[in-house]
Amino acid sequence: MVIKLLIKSGLVYGAVKYSVDQGVWASSTKTTALYNDVGESLRPHWQGVRQKVPVELPLLPSSGEACFVVKYYWNQGVKASFNFIHRFPCYVGQWTKKAKDAVGGALSSFEEAPAVKDK
């Protein structure tokens, strides 16, 4: 169990370290250049795959489209997080009421149960 956790942690560390070294988390101009370089380096392989696979594969989205999609979903995540934080006190109240009702229901059914007499 511990060995699996260490292996997984090492893989995650390696992936993050590699992405930092390649410039994924650098400035937007360097990241855009890296994205375009990856697209250009995949183009010959893409052509080979297109010849072998009879299905039309879509091209990689342009860097502007990818940037828009990432920004959109990032903003949606931020909005959802703040909405959850804003409503958290209400959620705690609802959860507390549900727990109280569940415990009260369990206790009332326990009190109503007929007593078992020893023979």
C-alpha atoms as a PDB file:
ATOM      1  CA  MET A   1       0.000   0.000   0.000  1.00  0.00           C
ATOM      2  CA  VAL A   2       2.763   2.450   0.947  1.00  0.00           C
ATOM      3  CA  ILE A   3       4.844   1.421  -2.061  1.00  0.00           C
ATOM      4  CA  LYS A   4       1.923   2.105  -4.415  1.00  0.00           C
ATOM      5  CA  LEU A   5       1.438   5.520  -2.830  1.00  0.00           C
ATOM      6  CA  LEU A   6       5.147   6.303  -3.206  1.00  0.00           C
ATOM      7  CA  ILE A   7       5.121   5.210  -6.858  1.00  0.00           C
ATOM      8  CA  LYS A   8       2.032   7.296  -7.626  1.00  0.00           C
ATOM      9  CA  SER A   9       3.487  10.291  -5.795  1.00  0.00           C
ATOM     10  CA  GLY A  10       6.726   9.924  -7.733  1.00  0.00           C
ATOM     11  CA  LEU A  11       4.852   9.789 -11.032  1.00  0.00           C
ATOM     12  CA  VAL A  12       2.849  12.903 -10.174  1.00  0.00           C
ATOM     13  CA  TYR A  13       6.009  14.717  -9.071  1.00  0.00           C
ATOM     14  CA  GLY A  14       7.772  13.684 -12.278  1.00  0.00           C
ATOM     15  CA  ALA A  15       4.868  14.855 -14.446  1.00  0.00           C
ATOM     16  CA  VAL A  16       4.678  18.212 -12.689  1.00  0.00           C
ATOM     17  CA  LYS A  17       8.460  18.670 -12.775  1.00  0.00           C
ATOM     18  CA  TYR A  18       8.569  17.811 -16.491  1.00  0.00           C
ATOM     19  CA  SER A  19       5.726  20.231 -17.269  1.00  0.00           C
ATOM     20  CA  VAL A  20       7.516  22.999 -15.335  1.00  0.00           C
ATOM     21  CA  ASP A  21      10.780  22.263 -17.154  1.00  0.00           C
ATOM     22  CA  GLN A  22       9.014  22.367 -20.529  1.00  0.00           C
ATOM     23  CA  GLY A  23       7.439  25.739 -19.742  1.00  0.00           C
ATOM     24  CA  VAL A  24       3.783  24.782 -19.379  1.00  0.00           C
ATOM     25  CA  TRP A  25       3.484  26.999 -16.287  1.00  0.00           C
ATOM     26  CA  ALA A  26       5.620  29.830 -17.674  1.00  0.00           C
ATOM     27  CA  SER A  27       4.450  33.049 -19.286  1.00  0.00           C
ATOM     28  CA  SER A  28       1.568  32.894 -21.746  1.00  0.00           C
ATOM     29  CA  THR A  29       3.838  33.608 -24.724  1.00  0.00           C
ATOM     30  CA  LYS A  30       6.161  30.728 -23.839  1.00  0.00           C
ATOM     31  CA  THR A  31       3.207  28.399 -23.208  1.00  0.00           C
ATOM     32  CA  THR A  32       1.620  29.376 -26.539  1.00  0.00           C
ATOM     33  CA  ALA A  33       4.920  28.731 -28.321  1.00  0.00           C
ATOM     34  CA  LEU A  34       5.173  25.327 -26.611  1.00  0.00           C
ATOM     35  CA  TYR A  35       1.591  24.491 -27.637  1.00  0.00           C
ATOM     36  CA  ASN A  36       2.318  25.439 -31.263  1.00  0.00           C
ATOM     37  CA  ASP A  37       5.562  23.421 -31.224  1.00  0.00           C
ATOM     38  CA  VAL A  38       3.717  20.349 -29.953  1.00  0.00           C
ATOM     39  CA  GLY A  39       1.091  20.780 -32.680  1.00  0.00           C
ATOM     40  CA  GLU A  40       3.779  21.081 -35.352  1.00  0.00           C
ATOM     41  CA  SER A  41       5.700  18.064 -34.055  1.00  0.00           C
ATOM     42  CA  LEU A  42       2.519  15.956 -34.029  1.00  0.00           C
ATOM     43  CA  ARG A  43       1.499  16.949 -37.566  1.00  0.00           C
ATOM     44  CA  PRO A  44       3.549  14.199 -39.381  1.00  0.00           C
ATOM     45  CA  HIS A  45       2.292  11.538 -36.970  1.00  0.00           C
ATOM     46  CA  TRP A  46      -1.253  12.868 -37.369  1.00  0.00           C
ATOM     47  CA  GLN A  47      -0.991  12.388 -41.142  1.00  0.00           C
ATOM     48  CA  GLY A  48       0.174   8.799 -40.679  1.00  0.00           C
ATOM     49  CA  VAL A  49      -2.688   8.040 -38.327  1.00  0.00           C
ATOM     50  CA  ARG A  50      -5.207   9.654 -40.700  1.00  0.00           C
ATOM     51  CA  GLN A  51      -4.036   7.346 -43.503  1.00  0.00           C
ATOM     52  CA  LYS A  52      -4.332   4.228 -41.330  1.00  0.00           C
ATOM     53  CA  VAL A  53      -7.585   5.085 -39.550  1.00  0.00           C
ATOM     54  CA  PRO A  54     -10.587   5.697 -41.831  1.00  0.00           C
ATOM     55  CA  VAL A  55     -12.137   8.103 -39.303  1.00  0.00           C
ATOM     56  CA  GLU A  56     -11.694  11.829 -39.719  1.00  0.00           C
ATOM     57  CA  LEU A  57      -9.756  13.081 -36.687  1.00  0.00           C
ATOM     58  CA  PRO A  58     -10.214  16.716 -35.692  1.00  0.00           C
ATOM     59  CA  LEU A  59      -7.250  19.040 -35.698  1.00  0.00           C
ATOM     60  CA  LEU A  60      -5.943  20.467 -32.461  1.00  0.00           C
ATOM     61  CA  PRO A  61      -7.749  23.677 -31.579  1.00  0.00           C
ATOM     62  CA  SER A  62      -5.895  26.913 -32.155  1.00  0.00           C
ATOM     63  CA  SER A  63      -4.165  28.400 -29.145  1.00  0.00           C
ATOM     64  CA  GLY A  64      -6.793  31.164 -28.981  1.00  0.00           C
ATOM     65  CA  GLU A  65      -9.647  28.646 -28.860  1.00  0.00           C
ATOM     66  CA  ALA A  66      -7.892  26.531 -26.240  1.00  0.00           C
ATOM     67  CA  CYS A  67      -7.159  29.640 -24.181  1.00  0.00           C
ATOM     68  CA  PHE A  68     -10.822  30.681 -24.342  1.00  0.00           C
ATOM     69  CA  VAL A  69     -12.040  27.234 -23.263  1.00  0.00           C
ATOM     70  CA  VAL A  70      -9.577  27.059 -20.371  1.00  0.00           C
ATOM     71  CA  LYS A  71     -10.502  30.564 -19.206  1.00  0.00           C
ATOM     72  CA  TYR A  72     -14.226  29.817 -19.469  1.00  0.00           C
ATOM     73  CA  TYR A  73     -14.095  26.616 -17.441  1.00  0.00           C
ATOM     74  CA  TRP A  74     -11.667  28.128 -14.922  1.00  0.00           C
ATOM     75  CA  ASN A  75     -14.092  31.001 -14.353  1.00  0.00           C
ATOM     76  CA  GLN A  76     -17.010  28.573 -14.029  1.00  0.00           C
ATOM     77  CA  GLY A  77     -15.047  26.648 -11.385  1.00  0.00           C
ATOM     78  CA  VAL A  78     -14.258  29.839  -9.478  1.00  0.00           C
ATOM     79  CA  LYS A  79     -17.912  30.924  -9.601  1.00  0.00           C
ATOM     80  CA  ALA A  80     -19.102  27.509  -8.400  1.00  0.00           C
ATOM     81  CA  SER A  81     -16.547  27.522  -5.573  1.00  0.00           C
ATOM     82  CA  PHE A  82     -17.596  30.957  -4.347  1.00  0.00           C
ATOM     83  CA  ASN A  83     -21.265  29.995  -4.671  1.00  0.00           C
ATOM     84  CA  PHE A  84     -20.589  26.962  -2.466  1.00  0.00           C
ATOM     85  CA  ILE A  85     -18.701  29.102   0.070  1.00  0.00           C
ATOM     86  CA  HIS A  86     -21.543  31.643   0.037  1.00  0.00           C
ATOM     87  CA  ARG A  87     -24.161  28.941   0.651  1.00  0.00           C
ATOM     88  CA  PHE A  88     -22.057  26.884   3.082  1.00  0.00           C
ATOM     89  CA  PRO A  89     -23.853  28.140   6.232  1.00  0.00           C
ATOM     90  CA  CYS A  90     -27.190  27.111   4.690  1.00  0.00           C
ATOM     91  CA  TYR A  91     -25.762  23.708   3.792  1.00  0.00           C
ATOM     92  CA  VAL A  92     -24.495  23.205   7.343  1.00  0.00           C
ATOM     93  CA  GLY A  93     -27.959  24.061   8.673  1.00  0.00           C
ATOM     94  CA  GLN A  94     -29.592  21.594   6.283  1.00  0.00           C
ATOM     95  CA  TRP A  95     -27.100  18.843   7.125  1.00  0.00           C
ATOM     96  CA  THR A  96     -27.571  19.488  10.854  1.00  0.00           C
ATOM     97  CA  LYS A  97     -31.369  19.260  10.533  1.00  0.00           C
ATOM     98  CA  LYS A  98     -31.104  16.029   8.537  1.00  0.00           C
ATOM     99  CA  ALA A  99     -28.748  14.538  11.141  1.00  0.00           C
ATOM    100  CA  LYS A 100     -31.034  15.650  13.996  1.00  0.00           C
ATOM    101  CA  ASP A 101     -34.082  14.170  12.267  1.00  0.00           C
ATOM    102  CA  ALA A 102     -32.241  10.907  11.559  1.00  0.00           C
ATOM    103  CA  VAL A 103     -31.047  10.569  15.157  1.00  0.00           C
ATOM    104  CA  GLY A 104     -34.499  11.547  16.495  1.00  0.00           C
ATOM    105  CA  GLY A 105     -36.165   8.991  14.227  1.00  0.00           C
ATOM    106  CA  ALA A 106     -33.770   6.269  15.307  1.00  0.00           C
ATOM    107  CA  LEU A 107     -34.316   7.075  19.001  1.00  0.00           C
ATOM    108  CA  SER A 108     -38.105   7.206  18.668  1.00  0.00           C
ATOM    109  CA  SER A 109     -38.192   3.841  16.925  1.00  0.00           C
ATOM    110  CA  PHE A 110     -35.928   2.460  19.650  1.00  0.00           C
ATOM    111  CA  GLU A 111     -38.275   3.768  22.383  1.00  0.00           C
ATOM    112  CA  GLU A 112     -41.373   2.381  20.635  1.00  0.00           C
ATOM    113  CA  ALA A 113     -39.925  -1.104  20.177  1.00  0.00           C
ATOM    114  CA  PRO A 114     -41.496  -3.684  22.509  1.00  0.00           C
ATOM    115  CA  ALA A 115     -39.290  -4.834  25.369  1.00  0.00           C
ATOM    116  CA  VAL A 116     -38.008  -8.391  25.181  1.00  0.00           C
ATOM    117  CA  LYS A 117     -38.700 -10.392  28.331  1.00  0.00           C
ATOM    118  CA  ASP A 118     -36.394 -13.133  29.517  1.00  0.00           C
ATOM    119  CA  LYS A 119     -38.004 -16.538  30.136  1.00  0.00           C
END
